[in-house]
Amino acid sequence: MYASAAMAFLHHLAAFTVVAAAGGWKSPCFKPPLSLAQARRLLRTDFIFGASATVVLVVGMLRVAFFEKGREYYWHDLLLSHQVQCVHRRGTDLDLSRP
């Protein structure tokens, strides 16, 4: 019981951190020229954003697989399936390694 609550708390904390880090990008990006301190802050914010987004993904998949209602409930839910597909498509659209 406590593990499920801890995973839910961690998932929500990471999701709020993603939103906060995304908001932290605004100030250094719109004030040219970019100083060294602003570049370091942007790098740190980008790291926090990526790490918390990874935690959201991993903990979310752990919650689906091992906690809460179980795999069967979520895999038959059409809304979750649609959301996963949209996130996957959006992530492949943002792939910057392609020319």
C-alpha atoms as a PDB file:
ATOM      1  CA  MET A   1       0.000   0.000   0.000  1.00  0.00           C
ATOM      2  CA  TYR A   2       2.755   2.452   0.864  1.00  0.00           C
ATOM      3  CA  ALA A   3       4.736   1.543  -2.245  1.00  0.00           C
ATOM      4  CA  SER A   4       1.797   2.467  -4.470  1.00  0.00           C
ATOM      5  CA  ALA A   5       1.387   5.816  -2.718  1.00  0.00           C
ATOM      6  CA  ALA A   6       5.129   6.483  -2.886  1.00  0.00           C
ATOM      7  CA  MET A   7       5.187   5.755  -6.616  1.00  0.00           C
ATOM      8  CA  ALA A   8       2.195   8.042  -7.191  1.00  0.00           C
ATOM      9  CA  PHE A   9       3.878  10.812  -5.188  1.00  0.00           C
ATOM     10  CA  LEU A  10       7.147  10.401  -7.105  1.00  0.00           C
ATOM     11  CA  HIS A  11       5.296  10.400 -10.435  1.00  0.00           C
ATOM     12  CA  HIS A  12       3.424  13.603  -9.637  1.00  0.00           C
ATOM     13  CA  LEU A  13       6.501  15.307  -8.176  1.00  0.00           C
ATOM     14  CA  ALA A  14       8.450  14.552 -11.349  1.00  0.00           C
ATOM     15  CA  ALA A  15       5.575  15.785 -13.532  1.00  0.00           C
ATOM     16  CA  PHE A  16       5.446  19.102 -11.663  1.00  0.00           C
ATOM     17  CA  THR A  17       9.231  19.361 -11.978  1.00  0.00           C
ATOM     18  CA  VAL A  18       8.928  18.925 -15.748  1.00  0.00           C
ATOM     19  CA  VAL A  19       6.472  21.831 -15.881  1.00  0.00           C
ATOM     20  CA  ALA A  20       8.656  24.010 -13.635  1.00  0.00           C
ATOM     21  CA  ALA A  21      11.779  23.270 -15.677  1.00  0.00           C
ATOM     22  CA  ALA A  22       9.944  24.030 -18.917  1.00  0.00           C
ATOM     23  CA  GLY A  23       8.997  27.409 -17.475  1.00  0.00           C
ATOM     24  CA  GLY A  24      12.620  28.035 -16.486  1.00  0.00           C
ATOM     25  CA  TRP A  25      13.679  28.042 -20.140  1.00  0.00           C
ATOM     26  CA  LYS A  26      11.820  31.247 -20.879  1.00  0.00           C
ATOM     27  CA  SER A  27      14.028  33.856 -19.230  1.00  0.00           C
ATOM     28  CA  PRO A  28      17.453  32.968 -20.689  1.00  0.00           C
ATOM     29  CA  CYS A  29      16.137  32.223 -24.155  1.00  0.00           C
ATOM     30  CA  PHE A  30      14.517  35.595 -24.772  1.00  0.00           C
ATOM     31  CA  LYS A  31      17.279  37.876 -23.498  1.00  0.00           C
ATOM     32  CA  PRO A  32      20.067  37.987 -26.083  1.00  0.00           C
ATOM     33  CA  PRO A  33      23.028  37.899 -25.916  1.00  0.00           C
ATOM     34  CA  LEU A  34      23.400  34.783 -23.781  1.00  0.00           C
ATOM     35  CA  SER A  35      25.998  35.214 -21.039  1.00  0.00           C
ATOM     36  CA  LEU A  36      28.075  32.395 -19.577  1.00  0.00           C
ATOM     37  CA  ALA A  37      25.999  32.356 -16.378  1.00  0.00           C
ATOM     38  CA  GLN A  38      22.764  32.181 -18.371  1.00  0.00           C
ATOM     39  CA  ALA A  39      24.163  29.367 -20.516  1.00  0.00           C
ATOM     40  CA  ARG A  40      25.089  27.380 -17.399  1.00  0.00           C
ATOM     41  CA  ARG A  41      21.645  27.977 -15.920  1.00  0.00           C
ATOM     42  CA  LEU A  42      20.052  26.859 -19.180  1.00  0.00           C
ATOM     43  CA  LEU A  43      22.214  23.734 -19.204  1.00  0.00           C
ATOM     44  CA  ARG A  44      21.242  22.937 -15.605  1.00  0.00           C
ATOM     45  CA  THR A  45      17.553  23.545 -16.382  1.00  0.00           C
ATOM     46  CA  ASP A  46      17.778  21.309 -19.440  1.00  0.00           C
ATOM     47  CA  PHE A  47      19.342  18.533 -17.343  1.00  0.00           C
ATOM     48  CA  ILE A  48      16.608  18.831 -14.707  1.00  0.00           C
ATOM     49  CA  PHE A  49      13.964  18.776 -17.430  1.00  0.00           C
ATOM     50  CA  GLY A  50      15.405  15.640 -19.057  1.00  0.00           C
ATOM     51  CA  ALA A  51      15.954  13.805 -15.775  1.00  0.00           C
ATOM     52  CA  SER A  52      12.470  14.543 -14.465  1.00  0.00           C
ATOM     53  CA  ALA A  53      10.877  13.598 -17.808  1.00  0.00           C
ATOM     54  CA  THR A  54      12.736  10.284 -17.634  1.00  0.00           C
ATOM     55  CA  VAL A  55      11.486   9.736 -14.082  1.00  0.00           C
ATOM     56  CA  VAL A  56       7.908  10.467 -15.225  1.00  0.00           C
ATOM     57  CA  LEU A  57       8.223   7.895 -18.003  1.00  0.00           C
ATOM     58  CA  VAL A  58       9.908   5.169 -15.941  1.00  0.00           C
ATOM     59  CA  VAL A  59       7.733   5.564 -12.843  1.00  0.00           C
ATOM     60  CA  GLY A  60       4.611   5.772 -14.998  1.00  0.00           C
ATOM     61  CA  MET A  61       5.470   2.499 -16.702  1.00  0.00           C
ATOM     62  CA  LEU A  62       6.273   0.899 -13.327  1.00  0.00           C
ATOM     63  CA  ARG A  63       2.898   2.051 -12.017  1.00  0.00           C
ATOM     64  CA  VAL A  64       1.171   0.504 -15.033  1.00  0.00           C
ATOM     65  CA  ALA A  65       3.118  -2.755 -14.814  1.00  0.00           C
ATOM     66  CA  PHE A  66       3.360  -3.441 -11.083  1.00  0.00           C
ATOM     67  CA  PHE A  67       1.231  -1.016  -9.062  1.00  0.00           C
ATOM     68  CA  GLU A  68      -2.271   0.416  -9.048  1.00  0.00           C
ATOM     69  CA  LYS A  69      -4.799  -1.567 -11.102  1.00  0.00           C
ATOM     70  CA  GLY A  70      -2.479  -3.804 -13.074  1.00  0.00           C
ATOM     71  CA  ARG A  71      -1.537  -4.266 -16.718  1.00  0.00           C
ATOM     72  CA  GLU A  72      -4.852  -5.686 -17.854  1.00  0.00           C
ATOM     73  CA  TYR A  73      -6.790  -2.566 -16.878  1.00  0.00           C
ATOM     74  CA  TYR A  74      -4.452  -0.161 -18.613  1.00  0.00           C
ATOM     75  CA  TRP A  75      -3.751  -2.143 -21.776  1.00  0.00           C
ATOM     76  CA  HIS A  76      -7.483  -2.344 -22.515  1.00  0.00           C
ATOM     77  CA  ASP A  77      -7.992   1.357 -21.919  1.00  0.00           C
ATOM     78  CA  LEU A  78      -8.246   3.046 -25.318  1.00  0.00           C
ATOM     79  CA  LEU A  79      -7.514   6.518 -23.936  1.00  0.00           C
ATOM     80  CA  LEU A  80      -4.184   5.429 -22.436  1.00  0.00           C
ATOM     81  CA  SER A  81      -3.289   3.623 -25.643  1.00  0.00           C
ATOM     82  CA  HIS A  82      -4.030   6.776 -27.643  1.00  0.00           C
ATOM     83  CA  GLN A  83      -1.991   8.943 -25.252  1.00  0.00           C
ATOM     84  CA  VAL A  84       1.017   6.623 -25.471  1.00  0.00           C
ATOM     85  CA  GLN A  85       0.826   6.685 -29.262  1.00  0.00           C
ATOM     86  CA  CYS A  86       0.620  10.493 -29.314  1.00  0.00           C
ATOM     87  CA  VAL A  87       3.623  10.837 -27.007  1.00  0.00           C
ATOM     88  CA  HIS A  88       5.589   8.379 -29.130  1.00  0.00           C
ATOM     89  CA  ARG A  89       4.730  10.217 -32.350  1.00  0.00           C
ATOM     90  CA  ARG A  90       5.556  13.588 -30.824  1.00  0.00           C
ATOM     91  CA  GLY A  91       8.887  12.269 -29.541  1.00  0.00           C
ATOM     92  CA  THR A  92       9.865  10.937 -32.940  1.00  0.00           C
ATOM     93  CA  ASP A  93       8.880  14.243 -34.542  1.00  0.00           C
ATOM     94  CA  LEU A  94      11.291  16.066 -32.218  1.00  0.00           C
ATOM     95  CA  ASP A  95      14.247  13.845 -33.086  1.00  0.00           C
ATOM     96  CA  LEU A  96      17.001  16.337 -33.863  1.00  0.00           C
ATOM     97  CA  SER A  97      19.470  13.772 -35.130  1.00  0.00           C
ATOM     98  CA  ARG A  98      17.707  13.614 -38.490  1.00  0.00           C
ATOM     99  CA  PRO A  99      18.869  16.097 -41.128  1.00  0.00           C
END
